[in-house]
Amino acid sequence: MAGRVRFMYSFGKNGNSTMVTMSADQGWTVYILQCADNSLYTGITTDVENRIATHEAGQGAKYLRGRGPLKLVYREDCATRAIATKRELEIKSWSRAKKCALFA
């Protein structure tokens, strides 16, 4: 399995989990979604389209359940998960106005 990395993600209190395999060279993306109630959600992923579909199916972040339809308003590619996580935390610390300035 050279060149591939496996990650275990857990969802919910019941311990359900899924194994995700991806290429080691696959980059990470920081994204911002705008919900139907006009709130913003920031996250990271290696596959934005798939992650949005997961959110819209009610299987992603609890915050987004019932807040659809979701609109991708910003994405930023990062070289590593560590860089994407740092950028995600930075963006989450910003005011709504500063976040909106990214995609205005």
C-alpha atoms as a PDB file:
ATOM      1  CA  MET A   1       0.000   0.000   0.000  1.00  0.00           C
ATOM      2  CA  ALA A   2       2.883   2.332  -0.797  1.00  0.00           C
ATOM      3  CA  GLY A   3       1.888   5.939  -1.302  1.00  0.00           C
ATOM      4  CA  ARG A   4      -1.396   5.565   0.552  1.00  0.00           C
ATOM      5  CA  VAL A   5      -2.393   6.607   4.050  1.00  0.00           C
ATOM      6  CA  ARG A   6      -5.286   5.273   6.135  1.00  0.00           C
ATOM      7  CA  PHE A   7      -7.245   7.328   8.644  1.00  0.00           C
ATOM      8  CA  MET A   8      -9.920   6.180  11.086  1.00  0.00           C
ATOM      9  CA  TYR A   9     -12.707   8.665  11.667  1.00  0.00           C
ATOM     10  CA  SER A  10     -15.271   8.200  14.445  1.00  0.00           C
ATOM     11  CA  PHE A  11     -18.743   9.667  14.303  1.00  0.00           C
ATOM     12  CA  GLY A  12     -21.144  10.045  17.186  1.00  0.00           C
ATOM     13  CA  LYS A  13     -21.371   8.662  20.693  1.00  0.00           C
ATOM     14  CA  ASN A  14     -22.292   5.177  19.490  1.00  0.00           C
ATOM     15  CA  GLY A  15     -18.746   4.620  18.221  1.00  0.00           C
ATOM     16  CA  ASN A  16     -19.607   4.196  14.560  1.00  0.00           C
ATOM     17  CA  SER A  17     -16.462   4.694  12.518  1.00  0.00           C
ATOM     18  CA  THR A  18     -15.263   4.516   8.972  1.00  0.00           C
ATOM     19  CA  MET A  19     -11.851   3.869   7.473  1.00  0.00           C
ATOM     20  CA  VAL A  20     -10.767   6.292   4.767  1.00  0.00           C
ATOM     21  CA  THR A  21      -7.865   5.533   2.450  1.00  0.00           C
ATOM     22  CA  MET A  22      -6.309   8.303   0.414  1.00  0.00           C
ATOM     23  CA  SER A  23      -3.173   9.027  -1.544  1.00  0.00           C
ATOM     24  CA  ALA A  24      -0.322  10.354   0.558  1.00  0.00           C
ATOM     25  CA  ASP A  25       0.096  13.162  -1.951  1.00  0.00           C
ATOM     26  CA  GLN A  26      -3.574  14.133  -1.854  1.00  0.00           C
ATOM     27  CA  GLY A  27      -3.857  17.691  -0.575  1.00  0.00           C
ATOM     28  CA  TRP A  28      -6.166  19.130   2.038  1.00  0.00           C
ATOM     29  CA  THR A  29      -8.687  21.901   1.548  1.00  0.00           C
ATOM     30  CA  VAL A  30     -10.106  24.435   3.991  1.00  0.00           C
ATOM     31  CA  TYR A  31     -13.669  25.291   3.029  1.00  0.00           C
ATOM     32  CA  ILE A  32     -16.468  27.584   4.156  1.00  0.00           C
ATOM     33  CA  LEU A  33     -20.112  26.682   3.622  1.00  0.00           C
ATOM     34  CA  GLN A  34     -23.002  29.105   3.820  1.00  0.00           C
ATOM     35  CA  CYS A  35     -26.155  27.537   5.238  1.00  0.00           C
ATOM     36  CA  ALA A  36     -29.750  28.324   4.312  1.00  0.00           C
ATOM     37  CA  ASP A  37     -30.055  30.329   7.548  1.00  0.00           C
ATOM     38  CA  ASN A  38     -27.049  32.409   6.347  1.00  0.00           C
ATOM     39  CA  SER A  39     -24.709  31.009   9.029  1.00  0.00           C
ATOM     40  CA  LEU A  40     -21.173  29.958   8.056  1.00  0.00           C
ATOM     41  CA  TYR A  41     -19.407  26.655   8.683  1.00  0.00           C
ATOM     42  CA  THR A  42     -15.657  26.150   8.266  1.00  0.00           C
ATOM     43  CA  GLY A  43     -14.025  22.741   7.891  1.00  0.00           C
ATOM     44  CA  ILE A  44     -11.221  20.776   6.226  1.00  0.00           C
ATOM     45  CA  THR A  45     -11.278  17.796   3.894  1.00  0.00           C
ATOM     46  CA  THR A  46      -9.412  16.063   1.081  1.00  0.00           C
ATOM     47  CA  ASP A  47     -12.513  15.908  -1.138  1.00  0.00           C
ATOM     48  CA  VAL A  48     -14.753  18.977  -0.942  1.00  0.00           C
ATOM     49  CA  GLU A  49     -17.546  17.702  -3.188  1.00  0.00           C
ATOM     50  CA  ASN A  50     -17.826  14.414  -1.310  1.00  0.00           C
ATOM     51  CA  ARG A  51     -17.708  16.177   2.072  1.00  0.00           C
ATOM     52  CA  ILE A  52     -20.520  18.544   1.090  1.00  0.00           C
ATOM     53  CA  ALA A  53     -22.602  15.578  -0.068  1.00  0.00           C
ATOM     54  CA  THR A  54     -21.930  13.901   3.296  1.00  0.00           C
ATOM     55  CA  HIS A  55     -23.036  17.050   5.141  1.00  0.00           C
ATOM     56  CA  GLU A  56     -26.183  17.381   3.020  1.00  0.00           C
ATOM     57  CA  ALA A  57     -27.036  13.723   3.695  1.00  0.00           C
ATOM     58  CA  GLY A  58     -27.025  14.505   7.427  1.00  0.00           C
ATOM     59  CA  GLN A  59     -23.957  12.359   8.095  1.00  0.00           C
ATOM     60  CA  GLY A  60     -21.392  15.122   8.600  1.00  0.00           C
ATOM     61  CA  ALA A  61     -21.126  17.734  11.319  1.00  0.00           C
ATOM     62  CA  LYS A  62     -24.138  17.943  13.638  1.00  0.00           C
ATOM     63  CA  TYR A  63     -24.167  21.732  13.266  1.00  0.00           C
ATOM     64  CA  LEU A  64     -25.139  21.427   9.601  1.00  0.00           C
ATOM     65  CA  ARG A  65     -28.028  18.994  10.059  1.00  0.00           C
ATOM     66  CA  GLY A  66     -31.233  20.678   8.982  1.00  0.00           C
ATOM     67  CA  ARG A  67     -29.418  23.809   7.787  1.00  0.00           C
ATOM     68  CA  GLY A  68     -29.344  22.956   4.074  1.00  0.00           C
ATOM     69  CA  PRO A  69     -29.152  23.607   1.291  1.00  0.00           C
ATOM     70  CA  LEU A  70     -25.458  24.354   1.687  1.00  0.00           C
ATOM     71  CA  LYS A  71     -23.465  26.624  -0.593  1.00  0.00           C
ATOM     72  CA  LEU A  72     -19.681  26.420  -0.967  1.00  0.00           C
ATOM     73  CA  VAL A  73     -18.487  30.023  -0.727  1.00  0.00           C
ATOM     74  CA  TYR A  74     -14.749  29.572  -0.151  1.00  0.00           C
ATOM     75  CA  ARG A  75     -12.043  26.968  -0.575  1.00  0.00           C
ATOM     76  CA  GLU A  76      -8.299  27.116  -0.022  1.00  0.00           C
ATOM     77  CA  ASP A  77      -5.932  24.284  -0.893  1.00  0.00           C
ATOM     78  CA  CYS A  78      -3.237  23.364   1.642  1.00  0.00           C
ATOM     79  CA  ALA A  79      -0.243  21.057   1.277  1.00  0.00           C
ATOM     80  CA  THR A  80      -0.748  19.092   4.511  1.00  0.00           C
ATOM     81  CA  ARG A  81      -3.398  18.329   7.086  1.00  0.00           C
ATOM     82  CA  ALA A  82      -1.429  20.263   9.719  1.00  0.00           C
ATOM     83  CA  ILE A  83      -1.396  23.405   7.584  1.00  0.00           C
ATOM     84  CA  ALA A  84      -5.117  23.019   6.793  1.00  0.00           C
ATOM     85  CA  THR A  85      -5.973  22.567  10.480  1.00  0.00           C
ATOM     86  CA  LYS A  86      -4.026  25.666  11.483  1.00  0.00           C
ATOM     87  CA  ARG A  87      -5.709  27.694   8.758  1.00  0.00           C
ATOM     88  CA  GLU A  88      -9.146  26.349   9.747  1.00  0.00           C
ATOM     89  CA  LEU A  89      -8.597  27.403  13.361  1.00  0.00           C
ATOM     90  CA  GLU A  90      -7.368  30.814  12.247  1.00  0.00           C
ATOM     91  CA  ILE A  91     -10.462  31.386  10.094  1.00  0.00           C
ATOM     92  CA  LYS A  92     -12.790  30.133  12.839  1.00  0.00           C
ATOM     93  CA  SER A  93     -11.345  32.742  15.211  1.00  0.00           C
ATOM     94  CA  TRP A  94     -12.282  35.578  12.848  1.00  0.00           C
ATOM     95  CA  SER A  95     -15.414  37.686  12.954  1.00  0.00           C
ATOM     96  CA  ARG A  96     -18.170  36.976  10.453  1.00  0.00           C
ATOM     97  CA  ALA A  97     -17.286  40.169   8.574  1.00  0.00           C
ATOM     98  CA  LYS A  98     -13.676  39.089   8.135  1.00  0.00           C
ATOM     99  CA  LYS A  99     -14.760  35.635   6.940  1.00  0.00           C
ATOM    100  CA  CYS A 100     -17.160  37.182   4.446  1.00  0.00           C
ATOM    101  CA  ALA A 101     -14.354  39.384   3.126  1.00  0.00           C
ATOM    102  CA  LEU A 102     -12.609  36.201   1.930  1.00  0.00           C
ATOM    103  CA  PHE A 103     -15.374  35.431  -0.548  1.00  0.00           C
ATOM    104  CA  ALA A 104     -16.955  38.836  -1.197  1.00  0.00           C
END
